[in-house]
Amino acid sequence: MQIENSALSESGYIEKVIDVEKLETGNYRVTARAFPTRKRKVQIITMEFSQNGFNALVGSLMAMSGKKQVSN
């Protein structure tokens, strides 16, 4: 499974994108790409997280956005 989201537009960039992919190992790969205007090189950062690390990342992002977690 792979999910891609584009960031808000920013001066000097055509587009900024973040991809999240669940790997066969159960880990998650997060890739951020920035496509600058003109002929500058595309910037790419890739990080791999364990299930626990990815859950911590998502939880912290939800906390920052003010969303409350739903308990089962």
N, C-alpha and C. Protein backbone atom coordinates (compact mmCIF):
# COMPACT_ATOMS: atom_id res chain seq x y z
N MET A 1 0.85 -1.18 0.00
CA MET A 1 0.00 0.00 0.00
C MET A 1 0.89 1.24 0.00
N GLN A 2 0.50 2.22 -0.79
CA GLN A 2 1.26 3.46 -0.86
C GLN A 2 0.30 4.65 -0.90
N ILE A 3 0.63 5.68 -0.14
CA ILE A 3 -0.17 6.90 -0.08
C ILE A 3 0.73 8.07 -0.41
N GLU A 4 0.23 9.02 -1.22
CA GLU A 4 1.02 10.20 -1.57
C GLU A 4 0.19 11.45 -1.31
N ASN A 5 0.82 12.45 -0.69
CA ASN A 5 0.16 13.73 -0.42
C ASN A 5 1.08 14.87 -0.85
N SER A 6 0.47 15.91 -1.43
CA SER A 6 1.23 17.10 -1.84
C SER A 6 1.07 18.19 -0.79
N ALA A 7 2.15 18.91 -0.55
CA ALA A 7 2.13 20.03 0.40
C ALA A 7 1.57 21.27 -0.27
N LEU A 8 1.29 22.27 0.53
CA LEU A 8 0.86 23.55 -0.01
C LEU A 8 1.97 24.12 -0.89
N SER A 9 1.59 24.90 -1.89
CA SER A 9 2.59 25.47 -2.79
C SER A 9 3.50 26.43 -2.04
N GLU A 10 4.74 26.48 -2.49
CA GLU A 10 5.75 27.33 -1.86
C GLU A 10 6.61 27.95 -2.94
N SER A 11 6.97 29.20 -2.77
CA SER A 11 7.80 29.90 -3.74
C SER A 11 9.12 29.17 -3.94
N GLY A 12 9.51 28.98 -5.19
CA GLY A 12 10.77 28.33 -5.51
C GLY A 12 10.63 26.84 -5.77
N TYR A 13 9.41 26.31 -5.59
CA TYR A 13 9.19 24.88 -5.81
C TYR A 13 7.96 24.66 -6.68
N ILE A 14 8.06 23.71 -7.59
CA ILE A 14 6.91 23.32 -8.40
C ILE A 14 5.95 22.53 -7.52
N GLU A 15 6.52 21.62 -6.72
CA GLU A 15 5.69 20.77 -5.87
C GLU A 15 6.56 20.13 -4.79
N LYS A 16 5.95 19.85 -3.64
CA LYS A 16 6.57 19.08 -2.56
C LYS A 16 5.61 17.95 -2.23
N VAL A 17 6.15 16.72 -2.16
CA VAL A 17 5.31 15.53 -2.01
C VAL A 17 5.88 14.65 -0.91
N ILE A 18 4.98 14.00 -0.15
CA ILE A 18 5.40 12.99 0.81
C ILE A 18 4.68 11.69 0.48
N ASP A 19 5.43 10.60 0.42
CA ASP A 19 4.89 9.27 0.15
C ASP A 19 5.07 8.41 1.38
N VAL A 20 4.07 7.58 1.68
CA VAL A 20 4.17 6.60 2.75
C VAL A 20 3.86 5.25 2.14
N GLU A 21 4.76 4.29 2.35
CA GLU A 21 4.60 2.97 1.75
C GLU A 21 4.80 1.91 2.83
N LYS A 22 3.87 0.96 2.91
CA LYS A 22 4.02 -0.16 3.82
C LYS A 22 4.80 -1.25 3.10
N LEU A 23 5.91 -1.66 3.68
CA LEU A 23 6.79 -2.65 3.07
C LEU A 23 6.37 -4.06 3.45
N GLU A 24 6.84 -5.04 2.69
CA GLU A 24 6.53 -6.44 2.97
C GLU A 24 7.05 -6.88 4.33
N THR A 25 8.07 -6.22 4.84
CA THR A 25 8.66 -6.55 6.14
C THR A 25 7.78 -6.09 7.30
N GLY A 26 6.76 -5.25 7.01
CA GLY A 26 5.93 -4.67 8.05
C GLY A 26 6.37 -3.27 8.44
N ASN A 27 7.56 -2.87 7.97
CA ASN A 27 8.05 -1.52 8.22
C ASN A 27 7.37 -0.54 7.26
N TYR A 28 7.58 0.75 7.53
CA TYR A 28 7.02 1.81 6.68
C TYR A 28 8.16 2.65 6.13
N ARG A 29 8.07 2.99 4.85
CA ARG A 29 9.05 3.87 4.21
C ARG A 29 8.35 5.20 3.93
N VAL A 30 8.95 6.28 4.44
CA VAL A 30 8.44 7.63 4.23
C VAL A 30 9.45 8.37 3.35
N THR A 31 8.99 8.88 2.23
CA THR A 31 9.86 9.61 1.30
C THR A 31 9.29 11.00 1.06
N ALA A 32 10.14 12.01 1.24
CA ALA A 32 9.76 13.39 0.95
C ALA A 32 10.57 13.84 -0.27
N ARG A 33 9.86 14.43 -1.25
CA ARG A 33 10.52 14.92 -2.46
C ARG A 33 10.12 16.37 -2.70
N ALA A 34 11.10 17.18 -3.06
CA ALA A 34 10.86 18.59 -3.37
C ALA A 34 11.35 18.84 -4.80
N PHE A 35 10.45 19.37 -5.63
CA PHE A 35 10.76 19.64 -7.03
C PHE A 35 10.93 21.15 -7.20
N PRO A 36 12.18 21.63 -7.19
CA PRO A 36 12.41 23.07 -7.30
C PRO A 36 12.16 23.59 -8.71
N THR A 37 11.90 24.88 -8.78
CA THR A 37 11.78 25.53 -10.08
C THR A 37 13.18 25.68 -10.67
N ARG A 38 13.26 26.06 -11.88
CA ARG A 38 14.52 26.20 -12.63
C ARG A 38 15.18 24.84 -12.76
N LYS A 39 16.48 24.80 -12.83
CA LYS A 39 17.17 23.54 -13.11
C LYS A 39 17.93 23.00 -11.91
N ARG A 40 17.44 23.32 -10.73
CA ARG A 40 18.09 22.77 -9.53
C ARG A 40 17.69 21.30 -9.37
N LYS A 41 18.51 20.57 -8.62
CA LYS A 41 18.31 19.14 -8.43
C LYS A 41 17.12 18.86 -7.50
N VAL A 42 16.35 17.81 -7.83
CA VAL A 42 15.25 17.37 -6.97
C VAL A 42 15.83 16.88 -5.65
N GLN A 43 15.21 17.29 -4.54
CA GLN A 43 15.67 16.90 -3.21
C GLN A 43 14.82 15.72 -2.73
N ILE A 44 15.49 14.64 -2.28
CA ILE A 44 14.78 13.45 -1.83
C ILE A 44 15.35 12.99 -0.50
N ILE A 45 14.45 12.75 0.47
CA ILE A 45 14.84 12.19 1.76
C ILE A 45 13.95 10.97 1.99
N THR A 46 14.57 9.83 2.32
CA THR A 46 13.83 8.60 2.59
C THR A 46 14.18 8.10 3.98
N MET A 47 13.14 7.73 4.74
CA MET A 47 13.32 7.20 6.09
C MET A 47 12.49 5.93 6.22
N GLU A 48 13.01 4.95 6.97
CA GLU A 48 12.26 3.72 7.22
C GLU A 48 11.97 3.62 8.70
N PHE A 49 10.71 3.27 9.04
CA PHE A 49 10.28 3.17 10.42
C PHE A 49 9.73 1.78 10.70
N SER A 50 9.95 1.29 11.92
CA SER A 50 9.28 0.08 12.38
C SER A 50 7.81 0.41 12.61
N GLN A 51 6.99 -0.62 12.85
CA GLN A 51 5.57 -0.38 13.14
C GLN A 51 5.42 0.55 14.34
N ASN A 52 6.18 0.31 15.42
CA ASN A 52 6.10 1.15 16.62
C ASN A 52 6.57 2.57 16.34
N GLY A 53 7.65 2.71 15.60
CA GLY A 53 8.16 4.04 15.26
C GLY A 53 7.18 4.82 14.41
N PHE A 54 6.55 4.14 13.46
CA PHE A 54 5.58 4.81 12.60
C PHE A 54 4.34 5.22 13.41
N ASN A 55 3.90 4.33 14.32
CA ASN A 55 2.76 4.68 15.18
C ASN A 55 3.08 5.91 16.03
N ALA A 56 4.32 5.98 16.55
CA ALA A 56 4.72 7.14 17.34
C ALA A 56 4.73 8.40 16.49
N LEU A 57 5.21 8.29 15.27
CA LEU A 57 5.22 9.44 14.35
C LEU A 57 3.81 9.93 14.06
N VAL A 58 2.92 9.01 13.71
CA VAL A 58 1.54 9.38 13.40
C VAL A 58 0.85 9.96 14.64
N GLY A 59 1.08 9.34 15.80
CA GLY A 59 0.49 9.84 17.04
C GLY A 59 0.94 11.25 17.37
N SER A 60 2.23 11.52 17.17
CA SER A 60 2.73 12.86 17.47
C SER A 60 2.18 13.89 16.48
N LEU A 61 2.02 13.50 15.22
CA LEU A 61 1.43 14.41 14.23
C LEU A 61 -0.03 14.71 14.56
N MET A 62 -0.76 13.69 15.00
CA MET A 62 -2.15 13.90 15.39
C MET A 62 -2.23 14.81 16.62
N ALA A 63 -1.32 14.62 17.58
CA ALA A 63 -1.31 15.47 18.77
C ALA A 63 -1.03 16.92 18.40
N MET A 64 -0.10 17.13 17.46
CA MET A 64 0.23 18.48 17.03
C MET A 64 -0.94 19.15 16.31
N SER A 65 -1.73 18.34 15.60
CA SER A 65 -2.85 18.92 14.84
C SER A 65 -4.08 19.15 15.71
N GLY A 66 -4.02 18.69 16.95
CA GLY A 66 -5.13 18.90 17.86
C GLY A 66 -6.20 17.84 17.77
N LYS A 67 -5.95 16.78 17.02
CA LYS A 67 -6.94 15.71 16.88
C LYS A 67 -6.85 14.79 18.09
N LYS A 68 -7.99 14.35 18.57
CA LYS A 68 -8.03 13.42 19.69
C LYS A 68 -8.05 12.00 19.14
N GLN A 69 -7.33 11.09 19.80
CA GLN A 69 -7.31 9.70 19.38
C GLN A 69 -8.61 9.04 19.78
N VAL A 70 -9.06 8.13 18.94
CA VAL A 70 -10.28 7.37 19.23
C VAL A 70 -9.86 6.07 19.89
N SER A 71 -10.41 5.79 21.06
CA SER A 71 -10.07 4.54 21.75
C SER A 71 -11.12 3.49 21.43
N ASN A 72 -10.66 2.25 21.38
CA ASN A 72 -11.56 1.12 21.06
C ASN A 72 -12.23 0.60 22.30
